[in-house]
Amino acid sequence: MIPDQMLAARVHAQGGPDFHLDLVPVPEPGPYQILVRVESASVNFSDVKRRRGDRYPFDTAFPFVPGGEIAGTVVALGPGVDGPPVGTRVFAFAGPNGYGGYAQFAVAYASAAVPIPDALDFDGASTLIVAGATARMVLTLTARVQPGESVLVLAATGGVGSFAVQIARALGARVIAAVGHPDKTGAALALGAHDVVVYTEPDWPARVRTLTDGRGVDVALEASGGDALRETFSALAPFGRLVVFGAASGVSASLDPATMDTWLYAPGANQSITSFNINTWFVERPQEAGPALMALVDDASTGRLRLPDIRTLPLRDAREAHLALEERRTIGKIVLKPWQEE
């Protein structure tokens, strides 16, 4: 029996993490959509960006229920949908444009819902479609990492970083993890990083160059923006590729084109910067994005890929979840539990 109302963690205006636990109508699945009873809602920095009004590909109307990544059970099918059947455990990209997950029920397009293998629980599955798929697709489809190359992963113990360190190593790369505090070093090494640097320390790119015999890294993953973008670019090797997939700091970043053709030690370094947006891959190139996601699911369900450390919080603690992300206090992922009271 589907109730008429549900609890949802909403922000009523753009800005700080001022969440309200509201009683709202349960959404009805529209054409090609399903209704999911949400057991786990993964918290991503994209949720923070939309809440505070940072630049984002989709418009955000308030009051707003964040949450683009959910796992739960299918409880109803919308018009034109014949599966996955009611009762199927799925993880999915929530809402029409990646929102609505911080609630007891959420809609998702049936085409964006993936059945959860028996070996995975709801919490672990809820981390795969954004954090996990981003890491895999950045490394394999955008950067096209090759065995023997070196890869620098910033925020290496976060959601995307926890996956990226493991996947890069599995691809045969030498992995340098960059963490925001020395006390995260052990977690990065446990994920499989060969070396660790602290990117809040002065001139950390020089440490990266030292670790690579003065050459720099072949591939770098960066999602903070601000000074981190310029500093990461300075750690690239000749022909190095920097992939930017976010700007968590909310601070604008710029590079001077007049200096981009001169590397620290060798002129004409031929480095490149590429942006990454996971939604665009699934819309424009589903023939590549889909198999990448399913390969990730297979690795996670068979144990070849370790899921991030997960901290669960009840829905009423959405504010704490967002503050922890913004203050860089997290290791792994935070997952909200809509049916958990305490």
C-alpha atoms as a PDB file:
ATOM      1  CA  MET A   1       0.000   0.000   0.000  1.00  0.00           C
ATOM      2  CA  ILE A   2       1.503   3.314  -1.094  1.00  0.00           C
ATOM      3  CA  PRO A   3       0.666   6.150   1.327  1.00  0.00           C
ATOM      4  CA  ASP A   4      -0.589   9.544   0.189  1.00  0.00           C
ATOM      5  CA  GLN A   5       2.171  11.441   2.007  1.00  0.00           C
ATOM      6  CA  MET A   6       5.837  10.964   2.851  1.00  0.00           C
ATOM      7  CA  LEU A   7       8.712  12.635   4.659  1.00  0.00           C
ATOM      8  CA  ALA A   8      11.197  14.612   2.573  1.00  0.00           C
ATOM      9  CA  ALA A   9      14.234  16.715   3.496  1.00  0.00           C
ATOM     10  CA  ARG A  10      13.690  20.045   1.728  1.00  0.00           C
ATOM     11  CA  VAL A  11      15.439  23.383   1.522  1.00  0.00           C
ATOM     12  CA  HIS A  12      12.958  26.206   1.065  1.00  0.00           C
ATOM     13  CA  ALA A  13      15.364  28.793  -0.375  1.00  0.00           C
ATOM     14  CA  GLN A  14      18.706  28.883  -2.141  1.00  0.00           C
ATOM     15  CA  GLY A  15      21.686  29.210   0.194  1.00  0.00           C
ATOM     16  CA  GLY A  16      22.828  27.391   3.328  1.00  0.00           C
ATOM     17  CA  PRO A  17      21.957  23.877   4.535  1.00  0.00           C
ATOM     18  CA  ASP A  18      18.691  24.914   6.187  1.00  0.00           C
ATOM     19  CA  PHE A  19      16.770  21.682   5.779  1.00  0.00           C
ATOM     20  CA  HIS A  20      13.175  21.087   6.825  1.00  0.00           C
ATOM     21  CA  LEU A  21      11.753  17.613   7.355  1.00  0.00           C
ATOM     22  CA  ASP A  22       8.421  18.135   5.606  1.00  0.00           C
ATOM     23  CA  LEU A  23       5.367  15.976   5.067  1.00  0.00           C
ATOM     24  CA  VAL A  24       4.625  16.159   1.330  1.00  0.00           C
ATOM     25  CA  PRO A  25       2.559  14.209  -1.229  1.00  0.00           C
ATOM     26  CA  VAL A  26       4.087  11.014  -2.606  1.00  0.00           C
ATOM     27  CA  PRO A  27       4.971  11.706  -6.268  1.00  0.00           C
ATOM     28  CA  GLU A  28       3.162   9.849  -9.015  1.00  0.00           C
ATOM     29  CA  PRO A  29       5.295   8.227 -11.713  1.00  0.00           C
ATOM     30  CA  GLY A  30       4.742   9.862 -15.093  1.00  0.00           C
ATOM     31  CA  PRO A  31       5.199   8.320 -18.550  1.00  0.00           C
ATOM     32  CA  TYR A  32       8.243   6.027 -18.696  1.00  0.00           C
ATOM     33  CA  GLN A  33       8.867   6.504 -14.964  1.00  0.00           C
ATOM     34  CA  ILE A  34       8.775   4.235 -11.933  1.00  0.00           C
ATOM     35  CA  LEU A  35       8.111   4.980  -8.275  1.00  0.00           C
ATOM     36  CA  VAL A  36      10.780   3.766  -5.850  1.00  0.00           C
ATOM     37  CA  ARG A  37      10.519   3.310  -2.103  1.00  0.00           C
ATOM     38  CA  VAL A  38      13.866   4.841  -1.209  1.00  0.00           C
ATOM     39  CA  GLU A  39      15.985   2.860   1.244  1.00  0.00           C
ATOM     40  CA  SER A  40      19.262   4.716   0.629  1.00  0.00           C
ATOM     41  CA  ALA A  41      19.929   8.174  -0.814  1.00  0.00           C
ATOM     42  CA  SER A  42      23.582   8.851  -1.564  1.00  0.00           C
ATOM     43  CA  VAL A  43      24.750  12.404  -0.835  1.00  0.00           C
ATOM     44  CA  ASN A  44      26.818  13.988  -3.615  1.00  0.00           C
ATOM     45  CA  PHE A  45      28.448  17.361  -4.014  1.00  0.00           C
ATOM     46  CA  SER A  46      26.097  18.063  -6.898  1.00  0.00           C
ATOM     47  CA  ASP A  47      23.344  18.194  -4.259  1.00  0.00           C
ATOM     48  CA  VAL A  48      25.311  20.860  -2.378  1.00  0.00           C
ATOM     49  CA  LYS A  49      25.885  22.870  -5.559  1.00  0.00           C
ATOM     50  CA  ARG A  50      22.191  22.962  -6.398  1.00  0.00           C
ATOM     51  CA  ARG A  51      21.210  23.850  -2.845  1.00  0.00           C
ATOM     52  CA  ARG A  52      23.545  26.819  -2.615  1.00  0.00           C
ATOM     53  CA  GLY A  53      22.886  28.072  -6.143  1.00  0.00           C
ATOM     54  CA  ASP A  54      26.168  27.267  -7.862  1.00  0.00           C
ATOM     55  CA  ARG A  55      26.176  26.947 -11.639  1.00  0.00           C
ATOM     56  CA  TYR A  56      24.435  23.720 -12.614  1.00  0.00           C
ATOM     57  CA  PRO A  57      23.183  22.244 -15.928  1.00  0.00           C
ATOM     58  CA  PHE A  58      19.543  22.059 -14.751  1.00  0.00           C
ATOM     59  CA  ASP A  59      17.274  24.701 -13.233  1.00  0.00           C
ATOM     60  CA  THR A  60      16.438  24.260  -9.559  1.00  0.00           C
ATOM     61  CA  ALA A  61      13.050  25.359  -8.216  1.00  0.00           C
ATOM     62  CA  PHE A  62      12.473  25.872  -4.495  1.00  0.00           C
ATOM     63  CA  PRO A  63      11.333  24.383  -2.164  1.00  0.00           C
ATOM     64  CA  PHE A  64      13.795  21.744  -3.304  1.00  0.00           C
ATOM     65  CA  VAL A  65      14.353  18.076  -2.397  1.00  0.00           C
ATOM     66  CA  PRO A  66      17.989  17.256  -3.283  1.00  0.00           C
ATOM     67  CA  GLY A  67      19.250  13.779  -4.066  1.00  0.00           C
ATOM     68  CA  GLY A  68      20.099  12.457  -7.497  1.00  0.00           C
ATOM     69  CA  GLU A  69      21.268   8.974  -6.516  1.00  0.00           C
ATOM     70  CA  ILE A  70      18.926   6.463  -4.867  1.00  0.00           C
ATOM     71  CA  ALA A  71      18.501   2.776  -4.158  1.00  0.00           C
ATOM     72  CA  GLY A  72      15.298   1.051  -3.131  1.00  0.00           C
ATOM     73  CA  THR A  73      12.398  -1.086  -4.275  1.00  0.00           C
ATOM     74  CA  VAL A  74      10.068  -0.476  -7.221  1.00  0.00           C
ATOM     75  CA  VAL A  75       6.526   0.027  -5.924  1.00  0.00           C
ATOM     76  CA  ALA A  76       4.668   1.375  -8.985  1.00  0.00           C
ATOM     77  CA  LEU A  77       5.049   1.740 -12.756  1.00  0.00           C
ATOM     78  CA  GLY A  78       4.041   4.779 -14.766  1.00  0.00           C
ATOM     79  CA  PRO A  79       2.278   4.812 -18.142  1.00  0.00           C
ATOM     80  CA  GLY A  80       4.195   3.036 -20.875  1.00  0.00           C
ATOM     81  CA  VAL A  81       6.431   1.112 -18.457  1.00  0.00           C
ATOM     82  CA  ASP A  82       6.572  -2.688 -18.334  1.00  0.00           C
ATOM     83  CA  GLY A  83       9.640  -3.085 -16.109  1.00  0.00           C
ATOM     84  CA  PRO A  84      11.527  -3.432 -13.927  1.00  0.00           C
ATOM     85  CA  PRO A  85       8.658  -5.219 -12.154  1.00  0.00           C
ATOM     86  CA  VAL A  86       7.181  -4.044  -8.885  1.00  0.00           C
ATOM     87  CA  GLY A  87       9.251  -5.536  -6.059  1.00  0.00           C
ATOM     88  CA  THR A  88      12.580  -5.271  -7.905  1.00  0.00           C
ATOM     89  CA  ARG A  89      15.507  -3.837  -5.942  1.00  0.00           C
ATOM     90  CA  VAL A  90      17.065  -1.064  -8.066  1.00  0.00           C
ATOM     91  CA  PHE A  91      19.485   1.811  -7.960  1.00  0.00           C
ATOM     92  CA  ALA A  92      18.722   4.791 -10.129  1.00  0.00           C
ATOM     93  CA  PHE A  93      19.295   8.395 -11.112  1.00  0.00           C
ATOM     94  CA  ALA A  94      16.385  10.099  -9.355  1.00  0.00           C
ATOM     95  CA  GLY A  95      13.846  12.522 -10.701  1.00  0.00           C
ATOM     96  CA  PRO A  96      13.532  14.014 -14.155  1.00  0.00           C
ATOM     97  CA  ASN A  97      16.730  16.022 -13.631  1.00  0.00           C
ATOM     98  CA  GLY A  98      18.590  14.442 -10.725  1.00  0.00           C
ATOM     99  CA  TYR A  99      16.624  15.507  -7.666  1.00  0.00           C
ATOM    100  CA  GLY A 100      14.020  14.208  -5.207  1.00  0.00           C
ATOM    101  CA  GLY A 101      16.068  11.476  -3.564  1.00  0.00           C
ATOM    102  CA  TYR A 102      16.110  12.791   0.009  1.00  0.00           C
ATOM    103  CA  ALA A 103      12.638  11.370   0.580  1.00  0.00           C
ATOM    104  CA  GLN A 104      10.820   8.166   1.413  1.00  0.00           C
ATOM    105  CA  PHE A 105       9.646   7.781  -2.194  1.00  0.00           C
ATOM    106  CA  ALA A 106      11.093   9.123  -5.446  1.00  0.00           C
ATOM    107  CA  VAL A 107      10.437   8.794  -9.143  1.00  0.00           C
ATOM    108  CA  ALA A 108      13.038   7.704 -11.695  1.00  0.00           C
ATOM    109  CA  TYR A 109      12.966   6.937 -15.384  1.00  0.00           C
ATOM    110  CA  ALA A 110      12.703   3.193 -15.903  1.00  0.00           C
ATOM    111  CA  SER A 111      15.588   3.360 -18.373  1.00  0.00           C
ATOM    112  CA  ALA A 112      17.786   4.865 -15.621  1.00  0.00           C
ATOM    113  CA  ALA A 113      17.068   2.088 -13.088  1.00  0.00           C
ATOM    114  CA  VAL A 114      19.449  -0.849 -12.707  1.00  0.00           C
ATOM    115  CA  PRO A 115      18.531  -4.048 -10.811  1.00  0.00           C
ATOM    116  CA  ILE A 116      20.725  -4.556  -7.744  1.00  0.00           C
ATOM    117  CA  PRO A 117      22.702  -7.817  -7.718  1.00  0.00           C
ATOM    118  CA  ASP A 118      22.079 -10.052  -4.709  1.00  0.00           C
ATOM    119  CA  ALA A 119      25.626  -9.461  -3.466  1.00  0.00           C
ATOM    120  CA  LEU A 120      25.035  -5.707  -2.983  1.00  0.00           C
ATOM    121  CA  ASP A 121      22.954  -3.967  -0.332  1.00  0.00           C
ATOM    122  CA  PHE A 122      21.011  -0.734  -0.826  1.00  0.00           C
ATOM    123  CA  ASP A 123      23.704   1.473   0.734  1.00  0.00           C
ATOM    124  CA  GLY A 124      26.473   0.222  -1.519  1.00  0.00           C
ATOM    125  CA  ALA A 125      24.304   0.263  -4.641  1.00  0.00           C
ATOM    126  CA  SER A 126      23.317   3.869  -4.004  1.00  0.00           C
ATOM    127  CA  THR A 127      26.929   4.979  -4.576  1.00  0.00           C
ATOM    128  CA  LEU A 128      27.356   3.453  -8.024  1.00  0.00           C
ATOM    129  CA  ILE A 129      25.460   5.511 -10.558  1.00  0.00           C
ATOM    130  CA  VAL A 130      27.087   8.882  -9.755  1.00  0.00           C
ATOM    131  CA  ALA A 131      30.309   8.431  -7.791  1.00  0.00           C
ATOM    132  CA  GLY A 132      31.279   5.016  -9.117  1.00  0.00           C
ATOM    133  CA  ALA A 133      30.302   5.563 -12.735  1.00  0.00           C
ATOM    134  CA  THR A 134      31.957   8.991 -12.781  1.00  0.00           C
ATOM    135  CA  ALA A 135      35.265   7.502 -11.643  1.00  0.00           C
ATOM    136  CA  ARG A 136      35.167   4.683 -14.167  1.00  0.00           C
ATOM    137  CA  MET A 137      34.060   6.801 -17.103  1.00  0.00           C
ATOM    138  CA  VAL A 138      36.524   9.626 -16.399  1.00  0.00           C
ATOM    139  CA  LEU A 139      39.403   7.156 -16.365  1.00  0.00           C
ATOM    140  CA  THR A 140      38.387   4.816 -19.192  1.00  0.00           C
ATOM    141  CA  LEU A 141      36.313   6.951 -21.579  1.00  0.00           C
ATOM    142  CA  THR A 142      37.589  10.518 -21.085  1.00  0.00           C
ATOM    143  CA  ALA A 143      41.228  10.195 -19.990  1.00  0.00           C
ATOM    144  CA  ARG A 144      41.655   6.738 -21.574  1.00  0.00           C
ATOM    145  CA  VAL A 145      44.284   5.699 -19.044  1.00  0.00           C
ATOM    146  CA  GLN A 146      46.837   3.183 -20.300  1.00  0.00           C
ATOM    147  CA  PRO A 147      48.933   0.667 -18.345  1.00  0.00           C
ATOM    148  CA  GLY A 148      52.140   2.222 -17.088  1.00  0.00           C
ATOM    149  CA  GLU A 149      50.800   5.774 -16.963  1.00  0.00           C
ATOM    150  CA  SER A 150      50.669   7.822 -13.760  1.00  0.00           C
ATOM    151  CA  VAL A 151      47.360   9.139 -12.399  1.00  0.00           C
ATOM    152  CA  LEU A 152      46.823  11.865  -9.795  1.00  0.00           C
ATOM    153  CA  VAL A 153      43.484  11.677  -7.951  1.00  0.00           C
ATOM    154  CA  LEU A 154      42.493  14.703  -5.884  1.00  0.00           C
ATOM    155  CA  ALA A 155      40.110  14.218  -2.931  1.00  0.00           C
ATOM    156  CA  ALA A 156      41.198  10.604  -3.130  1.00  0.00           C
ATOM    157  CA  THR A 157      39.266   9.375  -0.096  1.00  0.00           C
ATOM    158  CA  GLY A 158      35.964  10.973  -1.100  1.00  0.00           C
ATOM    159  CA  GLY A 159      33.148   9.337  -3.017  1.00  0.00           C
ATOM    160  CA  VAL A 160      34.524   9.556  -6.553  1.00  0.00           C
ATOM    161  CA  GLY A 161      38.125   9.399  -5.356  1.00  0.00           C
ATOM    162  CA  SER A 162      37.627   6.153  -3.436  1.00  0.00           C
ATOM    163  CA  PHE A 163      36.519   4.482  -6.650  1.00  0.00           C
ATOM    164  CA  ALA A 164      39.047   6.260  -8.876  1.00  0.00           C
ATOM    165  CA  VAL A 165      42.112   5.177  -6.901  1.00  0.00           C
ATOM    166  CA  GLN A 166      41.106   1.515  -7.180  1.00  0.00           C
ATOM    167  CA  ILE A 167      40.050   1.663 -10.819  1.00  0.00           C
ATOM    168  CA  ALA A 168      43.197   3.499 -11.912  1.00  0.00           C
ATOM    169  CA  ARG A 169      45.352   0.903 -10.186  1.00  0.00           C
ATOM    170  CA  ALA A 170      43.360  -1.928 -11.782  1.00  0.00           C
ATOM    171  CA  LEU A 171      44.026  -0.313 -15.163  1.00  0.00           C
ATOM    172  CA  GLY A 172      47.750  -0.700 -14.515  1.00  0.00           C
ATOM    173  CA  ALA A 173      48.487   2.912 -13.604  1.00  0.00           C
ATOM    174  CA  ARG A 174      50.745   4.259 -10.893  1.00  0.00           C
ATOM    175  CA  VAL A 175      48.385   6.123  -8.580  1.00  0.00           C
ATOM    176  CA  ILE A 176      49.223   9.230  -6.570  1.00  0.00           C
ATOM    177  CA  ALA A 177      46.434  10.116  -4.169  1.00  0.00           C
ATOM    178  CA  ALA A 178      45.986  13.722  -3.072  1.00  0.00           C
ATOM    179  CA  VAL A 179      44.171  14.210   0.248  1.00  0.00           C
ATOM    180  CA  GLY A 180      43.156  17.314   2.166  1.00  0.00           C
ATOM    181  CA  HIS A 181      44.599  16.297   5.541  1.00  0.00           C
ATOM    182  CA  PRO A 182      47.476  14.025   6.646  1.00  0.00           C
ATOM    183  CA  ASP A 183      45.105  11.887   8.717  1.00  0.00           C
ATOM    184  CA  LYS A 184      43.539  10.623   5.471  1.00  0.00           C
ATOM    185  CA  THR A 185      46.834   9.170   4.229  1.00  0.00           C
ATOM    186  CA  GLY A 186      46.197   5.694   5.630  1.00  0.00           C
ATOM    187  CA  ALA A 187      42.764   5.488   3.998  1.00  0.00           C
ATOM    188  CA  ALA A 188      44.234   6.433   0.620  1.00  0.00           C
ATOM    189  CA  LEU A 189      46.966   3.813   0.870  1.00  0.00           C
ATOM    190  CA  ALA A 190      44.402   1.198   1.893  1.00  0.00           C
ATOM    191  CA  LEU A 191      42.512   1.915  -1.337  1.00  0.00           C
ATOM    192  CA  GLY A 192      45.636   1.042  -3.304  1.00  0.00           C
ATOM    193  CA  ALA A 193      47.411   4.354  -3.875  1.00  0.00           C
ATOM    194  CA  HIS A 194      51.157   3.993  -4.451  1.00  0.00           C
ATOM    195  CA  ASP A 195      51.926   7.431  -2.978  1.00  0.00           C
ATOM    196  CA  VAL A 196      50.021  10.157  -1.138  1.00  0.00           C
ATOM    197  CA  VAL A 197      50.411  13.954  -1.124  1.00  0.00           C
ATOM    198  CA  VAL A 198      48.496  16.519   0.933  1.00  0.00           C
ATOM    199  CA  TYR A 199      47.059  19.137  -1.409  1.00  0.00           C
ATOM    200  CA  THR A 200      46.499  21.691   1.361  1.00  0.00           C
ATOM    201  CA  GLU A 201      50.248  21.901   2.011  1.00  0.00           C
ATOM    202  CA  PRO A 202      52.378  24.546   0.266  1.00  0.00           C
ATOM    203  CA  ASP A 203      53.747  23.676  -3.190  1.00  0.00           C
ATOM    204  CA  TRP A 204      52.298  20.183  -3.197  1.00  0.00           C
ATOM    205  CA  PRO A 205      52.640  19.935  -7.010  1.00  0.00           C
ATOM    206  CA  ALA A 206      56.413  19.953  -6.513  1.00  0.00           C
ATOM    207  CA  ARG A 207      56.007  16.848  -4.377  1.00  0.00           C
ATOM    208  CA  VAL A 208      54.078  15.206  -7.230  1.00  0.00           C
ATOM    209  CA  ARG A 209      56.873  16.047  -9.672  1.00  0.00           C
ATOM    210  CA  THR A 210      59.435  14.637  -7.244  1.00  0.00           C
ATOM    211  CA  LEU A 211      57.491  11.383  -7.038  1.00  0.00           C
ATOM    212  CA  THR A 212      57.501  11.167 -10.844  1.00  0.00           C
ATOM    213  CA  ASP A 213      61.210  11.921 -11.263  1.00  0.00           C
ATOM    214  CA  GLY A 214      60.497  15.493 -12.256  1.00  0.00           C
ATOM    215  CA  ARG A 215      58.172  14.583 -15.111  1.00  0.00           C
ATOM    216  CA  GLY A 216      54.680  15.113 -13.662  1.00  0.00           C
ATOM    217  CA  VAL A 217      51.629  12.871 -14.050  1.00  0.00           C
ATOM    218  CA  ASP A 218      50.054  11.666 -17.264  1.00  0.00           C
ATOM    219  CA  VAL A 219      46.476  12.067 -16.001  1.00  0.00           C
ATOM    220  CA  ALA A 220      44.959  14.168 -13.221  1.00  0.00           C
ATOM    221  CA  LEU A 221      41.386  14.205 -11.884  1.00  0.00           C
ATOM    222  CA  GLU A 222      40.231  17.488 -10.347  1.00  0.00           C
ATOM    223  CA  ALA A 223      36.849  18.604  -9.008  1.00  0.00           C
ATOM    224  CA  SER A 224      37.546  21.445  -6.565  1.00  0.00           C
ATOM    225  CA  GLY A 225      38.104  24.476  -8.768  1.00  0.00           C
ATOM    226  CA  GLY A 226      39.808  27.625  -7.528  1.00  0.00           C
ATOM    227  CA  ASP A 227      43.548  27.395  -6.916  1.00  0.00           C
ATOM    228  CA  ALA A 228      43.393  23.589  -7.087  1.00  0.00           C
ATOM    229  CA  LEU A 229      42.827  23.714 -10.850  1.00  0.00           C
ATOM    230  CA  ARG A 230      45.908  25.804 -11.533  1.00  0.00           C
ATOM    231  CA  GLU A 231      48.026  23.790  -9.109  1.00  0.00           C
ATOM    232  CA  THR A 232      46.892  20.473 -10.574  1.00  0.00           C
ATOM    233  CA  PHE A 233      47.639  21.666 -14.091  1.00  0.00           C
ATOM    234  CA  SER A 234      51.183  22.512 -12.986  1.00  0.00           C
ATOM    235  CA  ALA A 235      51.665  18.875 -11.914  1.00  0.00           C
ATOM    236  CA  LEU A 236      51.023  17.488 -15.413  1.00  0.00           C
ATOM    237  CA  ALA A 237      53.647  15.798 -17.559  1.00  0.00           C
ATOM    238  CA  PRO A 238      54.142  16.629 -21.242  1.00  0.00           C
ATOM    239  CA  PHE A 239      51.034  15.449 -23.106  1.00  0.00           C
ATOM    240  CA  GLY A 240      49.290  15.157 -19.728  1.00  0.00           C
ATOM    241  CA  ARG A 241      45.481  15.158 -19.529  1.00  0.00           C
ATOM    242  CA  LEU A 242      43.582  17.035 -16.836  1.00  0.00           C
ATOM    243  CA  VAL A 243      39.925  16.021 -16.440  1.00  0.00           C
ATOM    244  CA  VAL A 244      37.699  18.501 -14.601  1.00  0.00           C
ATOM    245  CA  PHE A 245      34.418  17.082 -13.305  1.00  0.00           C
ATOM    246  CA  GLY A 246      33.282  19.671 -10.779  1.00  0.00           C
ATOM    247  CA  ALA A 247      34.063  22.766  -8.737  1.00  0.00           C
ATOM    248  CA  ALA A 248      33.319  21.799  -5.159  1.00  0.00           C
ATOM    249  CA  SER A 249      34.927  24.914  -3.685  1.00  0.00           C
ATOM    250  CA  GLY A 250      32.463  27.146  -5.514  1.00  0.00           C
ATOM    251  CA  VAL A 251      35.415  29.385  -6.407  1.00  0.00           C
ATOM    252  CA  SER A 252      36.024  30.351 -10.018  1.00  0.00           C
ATOM    253  CA  ALA A 253      39.245  29.179 -11.606  1.00  0.00           C
ATOM    254  CA  SER A 254      41.205  30.395 -14.601  1.00  0.00           C
ATOM    255  CA  LEU A 255      44.338  29.574 -16.539  1.00  0.00           C
ATOM    256  CA  ASP A 256      46.260  32.088 -18.631  1.00  0.00           C
ATOM    257  CA  PRO A 257      46.306  30.837 -22.242  1.00  0.00           C
ATOM    258  CA  ALA A 258      49.520  32.772 -22.804  1.00  0.00           C
ATOM    259  CA  THR A 259      51.364  30.500 -20.392  1.00  0.00           C
ATOM    260  CA  MET A 260      49.696  27.173 -21.146  1.00  0.00           C
ATOM    261  CA  ASP A 261      52.154  26.292 -23.900  1.00  0.00           C
ATOM    262  CA  THR A 262      55.145  26.479 -21.562  1.00  0.00           C
ATOM    263  CA  TRP A 263      55.636  23.665 -19.095  1.00  0.00           C
ATOM    264  CA  LEU A 264      57.856  24.123 -16.055  1.00  0.00           C
ATOM    265  CA  TYR A 265      60.803  22.332 -17.637  1.00  0.00           C
ATOM    266  CA  ALA A 266      59.984  21.920 -21.322  1.00  0.00           C
ATOM    267  CA  PRO A 267      58.305  24.308 -23.772  1.00  0.00           C
ATOM    268  CA  GLY A 268      55.287  23.179 -25.746  1.00  0.00           C
ATOM    269  CA  ALA A 269      54.107  20.519 -23.325  1.00  0.00           C
ATOM    270  CA  ASN A 270      50.905  19.739 -25.296  1.00  0.00           C
ATOM    271  CA  GLN A 271      48.774  19.263 -22.216  1.00  0.00           C
ATOM    272  CA  SER A 272      44.985  19.182 -22.425  1.00  0.00           C
ATOM    273  CA  ILE A 273      42.021  19.989 -20.199  1.00  0.00           C
ATOM    274  CA  THR A 274      38.740  18.133 -20.656  1.00  0.00           C
ATOM    275  CA  SER A 275      35.457  18.637 -18.834  1.00  0.00           C
ATOM    276  CA  PHE A 276      33.269  15.721 -17.770  1.00  0.00           C
ATOM    277  CA  ASN A 277      29.533  15.566 -17.100  1.00  0.00           C
ATOM    278  CA  ILE A 278      28.028  12.158 -16.474  1.00  0.00           C
ATOM    279  CA  ASN A 279      24.524  13.112 -17.616  1.00  0.00           C
ATOM    280  CA  THR A 280      25.775  14.124 -21.057  1.00  0.00           C
ATOM    281  CA  TRP A 281      27.497  10.774 -21.518  1.00  0.00           C
ATOM    282  CA  PHE A 282      24.308   8.841 -20.797  1.00  0.00           C
ATOM    283  CA  VAL A 283      22.273  11.116 -23.087  1.00  0.00           C
ATOM    284  CA  GLU A 284      24.716  11.503 -25.984  1.00  0.00           C
ATOM    285  CA  ARG A 285      26.755   8.296 -25.825  1.00  0.00           C
ATOM    286  CA  PRO A 286      24.689   5.635 -24.017  1.00  0.00           C
ATOM    287  CA  GLN A 287      26.362   2.923 -26.094  1.00  0.00           C
ATOM    288  CA  GLU A 288      29.587   3.655 -24.169  1.00  0.00           C
ATOM    289  CA  ALA A 289      28.221   4.882 -20.842  1.00  0.00           C
ATOM    290  CA  GLY A 290      25.886   1.922 -20.317  1.00  0.00           C
ATOM    291  CA  PRO A 291      28.547  -0.795 -20.639  1.00  0.00           C
ATOM    292  CA  ALA A 292      30.909   1.224 -18.414  1.00  0.00           C
ATOM    293  CA  LEU A 293      28.270   1.325 -15.671  1.00  0.00           C
ATOM    294  CA  MET A 294      27.493  -2.385 -15.972  1.00  0.00           C
ATOM    295  CA  ALA A 295      31.196  -3.267 -15.815  1.00  0.00           C
ATOM    296  CA  LEU A 296      31.392  -1.235 -12.617  1.00  0.00           C
ATOM    297  CA  VAL A 297      28.392  -3.089 -11.158  1.00  0.00           C
ATOM    298  CA  ASP A 298      30.003  -6.418 -12.013  1.00  0.00           C
ATOM    299  CA  ASP A 299      33.286  -5.431 -10.327  1.00  0.00           C
ATOM    300  CA  ALA A 300      31.447  -4.218  -7.223  1.00  0.00           C
ATOM    301  CA  SER A 301      29.199  -7.267  -6.910  1.00  0.00           C
ATOM    302  CA  THR A 302      32.055  -9.753  -7.338  1.00  0.00           C
ATOM    303  CA  GLY A 303      34.342  -7.994  -4.856  1.00  0.00           C
ATOM    304  CA  ARG A 304      36.955  -6.904  -7.401  1.00  0.00           C
ATOM    305  CA  LEU A 305      36.098  -3.335  -6.435  1.00  0.00           C
ATOM    306  CA  ARG A 306      35.798  -2.278  -2.823  1.00  0.00           C
ATOM    307  CA  LEU A 307      32.881   0.038  -2.125  1.00  0.00           C
ATOM    308  CA  PRO A 308      33.673   3.295  -0.298  1.00  0.00           C
ATOM    309  CA  ASP A 309      33.362   3.504   3.451  1.00  0.00           C
ATOM    310  CA  ILE A 310      29.753   4.491   4.101  1.00  0.00           C
ATOM    311  CA  ARG A 311      28.399   6.636   6.918  1.00  0.00           C
ATOM    312  CA  THR A 312      24.623   6.427   7.264  1.00  0.00           C
ATOM    313  CA  LEU A 313      22.455   9.194   8.703  1.00  0.00           C
ATOM    314  CA  PRO A 314      18.694   9.525   9.147  1.00  0.00           C
ATOM    315  CA  LEU A 315      16.895  11.884   6.779  1.00  0.00           C
ATOM    316  CA  ARG A 316      16.584  14.486   9.528  1.00  0.00           C
ATOM    317  CA  ASP A 317      20.391  14.857   9.496  1.00  0.00           C
ATOM    318  CA  ALA A 318      20.634  16.087   5.899  1.00  0.00           C
ATOM    319  CA  ARG A 319      22.104  19.344   7.215  1.00  0.00           C
ATOM    320  CA  GLU A 320      24.970  17.475   8.896  1.00  0.00           C
ATOM    321  CA  ALA A 321      25.586  15.516   5.692  1.00  0.00           C
ATOM    322  CA  HIS A 322      25.970  18.688   3.638  1.00  0.00           C
ATOM    323  CA  LEU A 323      28.150  20.406   6.236  1.00  0.00           C
ATOM    324  CA  ALA A 324      30.448  17.386   6.413  1.00  0.00           C
ATOM    325  CA  LEU A 325      30.940  17.502   2.639  1.00  0.00           C
ATOM    326  CA  GLU A 326      31.536  21.237   2.510  1.00  0.00           C
ATOM    327  CA  GLU A 327      33.974  21.113   5.433  1.00  0.00           C
ATOM    328  CA  ARG A 328      35.864  18.142   3.926  1.00  0.00           C
ATOM    329  CA  ARG A 329      35.261  15.954   6.972  1.00  0.00           C
ATOM    330  CA  THR A 330      34.236  12.880   5.018  1.00  0.00           C
ATOM    331  CA  ILE A 331      35.987   9.681   4.053  1.00  0.00           C
ATOM    332  CA  GLY A 332      34.012   7.667   1.532  1.00  0.00           C
ATOM    333  CA  LYS A 333      30.291   8.354   1.183  1.00  0.00           C
ATOM    334  CA  ILE A 334      27.396   9.635   3.266  1.00  0.00           C
ATOM    335  CA  VAL A 335      24.063   7.877   2.712  1.00  0.00           C
ATOM    336  CA  LEU A 336      20.757   9.152   4.056  1.00  0.00           C
ATOM    337  CA  LYS A 337      18.221   6.592   5.336  1.00  0.00           C
ATOM    338  CA  PRO A 338      14.668   7.918   4.785  1.00  0.00           C
ATOM    339  CA  TRP A 339      12.983   5.322   7.002  1.00  0.00           C
ATOM    340  CA  GLN A 340      15.488   5.497   9.872  1.00  0.00           C
ATOM    341  CA  GLU A 341      14.285   7.561  12.822  1.00  0.00           C
ATOM    342  CA  GLU A 342      17.560   7.975  14.729  1.00  0.00           C
END
